[in-house]
Amino acid sequence: MESVQPTVFNPAQLYLLDVFSRIKSDEELNDIKQLVSDYYAKKLDAHLNQLWNEGVLDQKRLDEINDMDLHQWLREQKDKDNLAV
């Protein structure tokens, strides 16, 4: 029989558990979800702007990405990563 290891939470997880324990309504939950979504959208936007400014990303590359099957591409990347291990 396998022994069950206790879950160890990091400080961020503990903080979020505390915050989430105080949510009393669906409206509050939706507000928190929106805050998290906005946070990651802002981070992504800043990263994309950095790539654009560095010349890594340009209109030509955006057009190429637009024509790609990103789900297939991600599967291929995952397969490559698994082969490398």
N, C-alpha and C. Protein backbone atom coordinates (compact mmCIF):
# COMPACT_ATOMS: atom_id res chain seq x y z
N MET A 1 0.84 -1.19 0.00
CA MET A 1 0.00 0.00 0.00
C MET A 1 0.88 1.25 0.00
N GLU A 2 0.56 2.20 -0.88
CA GLU A 2 1.34 3.43 -0.98
C GLU A 2 1.00 4.37 0.17
N SER A 3 2.03 5.03 0.66
CA SER A 3 1.77 6.03 1.70
C SER A 3 1.37 7.34 1.03
N VAL A 4 0.44 8.01 1.63
CA VAL A 4 -0.04 9.28 1.10
C VAL A 4 0.79 10.40 1.69
N GLN A 5 1.35 11.22 0.81
CA GLN A 5 2.16 12.35 1.26
C GLN A 5 1.26 13.56 1.49
N PRO A 6 1.45 14.27 2.57
CA PRO A 6 0.62 15.46 2.81
C PRO A 6 0.95 16.55 1.79
N THR A 7 -0.05 17.33 1.45
CA THR A 7 0.15 18.45 0.55
C THR A 7 0.80 19.59 1.32
N VAL A 8 1.86 20.12 0.75
CA VAL A 8 2.54 21.26 1.36
C VAL A 8 2.27 22.48 0.48
N PHE A 9 1.65 23.48 1.06
CA PHE A 9 1.31 24.68 0.32
C PHE A 9 2.41 25.73 0.47
N ASN A 10 2.65 26.46 -0.62
CA ASN A 10 3.61 27.56 -0.55
C ASN A 10 2.88 28.81 -0.03
N PRO A 11 3.62 29.87 0.29
CA PRO A 11 2.97 31.07 0.86
C PRO A 11 1.89 31.67 -0.04
N ALA A 12 2.08 31.65 -1.35
CA ALA A 12 1.06 32.21 -2.26
C ALA A 12 -0.23 31.38 -2.18
N GLN A 13 -0.08 30.06 -2.15
CA GLN A 13 -1.25 29.20 -2.07
C GLN A 13 -1.99 29.40 -0.75
N LEU A 14 -1.25 29.53 0.33
CA LEU A 14 -1.88 29.77 1.64
C LEU A 14 -2.63 31.09 1.65
N TYR A 15 -2.02 32.11 1.07
CA TYR A 15 -2.67 33.42 1.00
C TYR A 15 -3.99 33.32 0.21
N LEU A 16 -3.91 32.67 -0.95
CA LEU A 16 -5.12 32.55 -1.78
C LEU A 16 -6.19 31.72 -1.11
N LEU A 17 -5.81 30.66 -0.43
CA LEU A 17 -6.80 29.87 0.31
C LEU A 17 -7.50 30.74 1.35
N ASP A 18 -6.73 31.58 2.02
CA ASP A 18 -7.33 32.48 3.01
C ASP A 18 -8.30 33.46 2.34
N VAL A 19 -7.87 34.04 1.22
CA VAL A 19 -8.74 34.98 0.50
C VAL A 19 -10.01 34.26 0.02
N PHE A 20 -9.82 33.10 -0.58
CA PHE A 20 -10.97 32.36 -1.12
C PHE A 20 -11.93 31.91 -0.02
N SER A 21 -11.42 31.67 1.17
CA SER A 21 -12.30 31.24 2.26
C SER A 21 -13.27 32.34 2.68
N ARG A 22 -12.98 33.57 2.30
CA ARG A 22 -13.82 34.70 2.68
C ARG A 22 -14.88 35.05 1.63
N ILE A 23 -14.84 34.39 0.50
CA ILE A 23 -15.82 34.66 -0.57
C ILE A 23 -17.19 34.17 -0.12
N LYS A 24 -18.17 35.05 -0.18
CA LYS A 24 -19.50 34.73 0.34
C LYS A 24 -20.58 34.66 -0.74
N SER A 25 -20.25 35.08 -1.95
CA SER A 25 -21.29 35.09 -2.99
C SER A 25 -20.68 34.78 -4.35
N ASP A 26 -21.54 34.41 -5.27
CA ASP A 26 -21.11 34.18 -6.65
C ASP A 26 -20.54 35.47 -7.26
N GLU A 27 -21.11 36.60 -6.88
CA GLU A 27 -20.64 37.88 -7.40
C GLU A 27 -19.19 38.13 -6.96
N GLU A 28 -18.89 37.87 -5.70
CA GLU A 28 -17.52 38.03 -5.21
C GLU A 28 -16.57 37.06 -5.93
N LEU A 29 -17.01 35.82 -6.13
CA LEU A 29 -16.20 34.85 -6.84
C LEU A 29 -15.92 35.31 -8.26
N ASN A 30 -16.94 35.82 -8.93
CA ASN A 30 -16.76 36.32 -10.30
C ASN A 30 -15.82 37.52 -10.34
N ASP A 31 -15.90 38.38 -9.32
CA ASP A 31 -14.98 39.52 -9.24
C ASP A 31 -13.53 39.05 -9.10
N ILE A 32 -13.31 38.04 -8.25
CA ILE A 32 -11.96 37.50 -8.07
C ILE A 32 -11.47 36.85 -9.36
N LYS A 33 -12.34 36.10 -10.03
CA LYS A 33 -11.97 35.48 -11.31
C LYS A 33 -11.57 36.55 -12.32
N GLN A 34 -12.31 37.65 -12.35
CA GLN A 34 -12.00 38.73 -13.29
C GLN A 34 -10.67 39.38 -12.96
N LEU A 35 -10.41 39.57 -11.67
CA LEU A 35 -9.13 40.15 -11.25
C LEU A 35 -7.96 39.27 -11.71
N VAL A 36 -8.08 37.97 -11.51
CA VAL A 36 -7.02 37.05 -11.91
C VAL A 36 -6.86 37.06 -13.43
N SER A 37 -7.97 37.03 -14.14
CA SER A 37 -7.93 37.07 -15.60
C SER A 37 -7.28 38.36 -16.09
N ASP A 38 -7.66 39.48 -15.52
CA ASP A 38 -7.07 40.78 -15.91
C ASP A 38 -5.58 40.81 -15.63
N TYR A 39 -5.17 40.24 -14.50
CA TYR A 39 -3.75 40.20 -14.14
C TYR A 39 -2.94 39.46 -15.20
N TYR A 40 -3.40 38.26 -15.58
CA TYR A 40 -2.65 37.48 -16.56
C TYR A 40 -2.73 38.08 -17.96
N ALA A 41 -3.83 38.72 -18.29
CA ALA A 41 -3.93 39.40 -19.59
C ALA A 41 -2.94 40.56 -19.65
N LYS A 42 -2.80 41.29 -18.56
CA LYS A 42 -1.85 42.41 -18.50
C LYS A 42 -0.42 41.90 -18.62
N LYS A 43 -0.09 40.79 -17.93
CA LYS A 43 1.24 40.20 -18.02
C LYS A 43 1.54 39.73 -19.44
N LEU A 44 0.57 39.08 -20.07
CA LEU A 44 0.74 38.60 -21.44
C LEU A 44 0.94 39.77 -22.39
N ASP A 45 0.15 40.80 -22.25
CA ASP A 45 0.25 41.98 -23.11
C ASP A 45 1.63 42.62 -22.98
N ALA A 46 2.14 42.72 -21.75
CA ALA A 46 3.46 43.31 -21.54
C ALA A 46 4.54 42.44 -22.19
N HIS A 47 4.41 41.13 -22.08
CA HIS A 47 5.39 40.23 -22.68
C HIS A 47 5.35 40.32 -24.20
N LEU A 48 4.16 40.37 -24.77
CA LEU A 48 4.03 40.49 -26.22
C LEU A 48 4.61 41.81 -26.71
N ASN A 49 4.38 42.89 -25.97
CA ASN A 49 4.96 44.18 -26.32
C ASN A 49 6.49 44.12 -26.29
N GLN A 50 7.04 43.43 -25.29
CA GLN A 50 8.49 43.28 -25.20
C GLN A 50 9.02 42.50 -26.41
N LEU A 51 8.35 41.40 -26.78
CA LEU A 51 8.77 40.63 -27.95
C LEU A 51 8.71 41.47 -29.22
N TRP A 52 7.66 42.28 -29.34
CA TRP A 52 7.51 43.16 -30.50
C TRP A 52 8.66 44.17 -30.55
N ASN A 53 8.93 44.81 -29.41
CA ASN A 53 9.99 45.82 -29.35
C ASN A 53 11.37 45.23 -29.62
N GLU A 54 11.58 43.97 -29.25
CA GLU A 54 12.85 43.30 -29.48
C GLU A 54 12.97 42.75 -30.91
N GLY A 55 11.89 42.80 -31.67
CA GLY A 55 11.91 42.30 -33.03
C GLY A 55 11.68 40.80 -33.15
N VAL A 56 11.40 40.15 -32.04
CA VAL A 56 11.12 38.71 -32.06
C VAL A 56 9.75 38.45 -32.69
N LEU A 57 8.84 39.36 -32.44
CA LEU A 57 7.48 39.25 -32.95
C LEU A 57 7.22 40.42 -33.90
N ASP A 58 6.69 40.10 -35.07
CA ASP A 58 6.34 41.13 -36.03
C ASP A 58 5.08 40.70 -36.77
N GLN A 59 4.62 41.52 -37.69
CA GLN A 59 3.36 41.22 -38.38
C GLN A 59 3.46 39.92 -39.17
N LYS A 60 4.62 39.67 -39.78
CA LYS A 60 4.80 38.43 -40.55
C LYS A 60 4.62 37.21 -39.65
N ARG A 61 5.25 37.25 -38.47
CA ARG A 61 5.13 36.11 -37.54
C ARG A 61 3.71 35.98 -37.02
N LEU A 62 3.03 37.09 -36.75
CA LEU A 62 1.63 37.03 -36.32
C LEU A 62 0.76 36.39 -37.38
N ASP A 63 1.02 36.71 -38.67
CA ASP A 63 0.26 36.10 -39.75
C ASP A 63 0.52 34.59 -39.82
N GLU A 64 1.78 34.19 -39.60
CA GLU A 64 2.10 32.76 -39.58
C GLU A 64 1.38 32.05 -38.45
N ILE A 65 1.39 32.65 -37.28
CA ILE A 65 0.71 32.07 -36.11
C ILE A 65 -0.79 31.97 -36.37
N ASN A 66 -1.35 32.97 -37.01
CA ASN A 66 -2.78 32.99 -37.29
C ASN A 66 -3.19 31.81 -38.17
N ASP A 67 -2.29 31.36 -39.03
CA ASP A 67 -2.60 30.26 -39.94
C ASP A 67 -2.28 28.89 -39.33
N MET A 68 -1.72 28.86 -38.13
CA MET A 68 -1.31 27.60 -37.51
C MET A 68 -2.46 26.95 -36.75
N ASP A 69 -2.40 25.61 -36.67
CA ASP A 69 -3.26 24.86 -35.75
C ASP A 69 -2.50 24.80 -34.43
N LEU A 70 -2.81 25.71 -33.53
CA LEU A 70 -2.02 25.83 -32.31
C LEU A 70 -2.17 24.61 -31.40
N HIS A 71 -3.32 23.96 -31.42
CA HIS A 71 -3.48 22.75 -30.62
C HIS A 71 -2.52 21.67 -31.11
N GLN A 72 -2.42 21.51 -32.41
CA GLN A 72 -1.49 20.53 -32.98
C GLN A 72 -0.05 20.91 -32.65
N TRP A 73 0.27 22.17 -32.78
CA TRP A 73 1.63 22.64 -32.49
C TRP A 73 2.00 22.36 -31.04
N LEU A 74 1.06 22.62 -30.11
CA LEU A 74 1.33 22.36 -28.70
C LEU A 74 1.53 20.87 -28.43
N ARG A 75 0.72 20.02 -29.09
CA ARG A 75 0.90 18.58 -28.95
C ARG A 75 2.29 18.16 -29.43
N GLU A 76 2.73 18.71 -30.55
CA GLU A 76 4.05 18.39 -31.09
C GLU A 76 5.15 18.84 -30.13
N GLN A 77 4.99 20.02 -29.53
CA GLN A 77 5.98 20.51 -28.57
C GLN A 77 6.04 19.59 -27.36
N LYS A 78 4.88 19.17 -26.90
CA LYS A 78 4.82 18.28 -25.73
C LYS A 78 5.49 16.95 -26.08
N ASP A 79 5.24 16.43 -27.27
CA ASP A 79 5.88 15.18 -27.69
C ASP A 79 7.40 15.33 -27.75
N LYS A 80 7.88 16.48 -28.27
CA LYS A 80 9.32 16.73 -28.31
C LYS A 80 9.92 16.76 -26.92
N ASP A 81 9.21 17.42 -25.99
CA ASP A 81 9.68 17.51 -24.60
C ASP A 81 9.75 16.13 -23.97
N ASN A 82 8.75 15.30 -24.25
CA ASN A 82 8.73 13.94 -23.68
C ASN A 82 9.85 13.08 -24.22
N LEU A 83 10.21 13.27 -25.49
CA LEU A 83 11.31 12.52 -26.09
C LEU A 83 12.65 12.96 -25.54
N ALA A 84 12.76 14.22 -25.14
CA ALA A 84 14.02 14.76 -24.65
C ALA A 84 14.33 14.26 -23.25
N VAL A 85 13.34 13.79 -22.53
CA VAL A 85 13.54 13.37 -21.13
C VAL A 85 14.13 12.02 -21.04
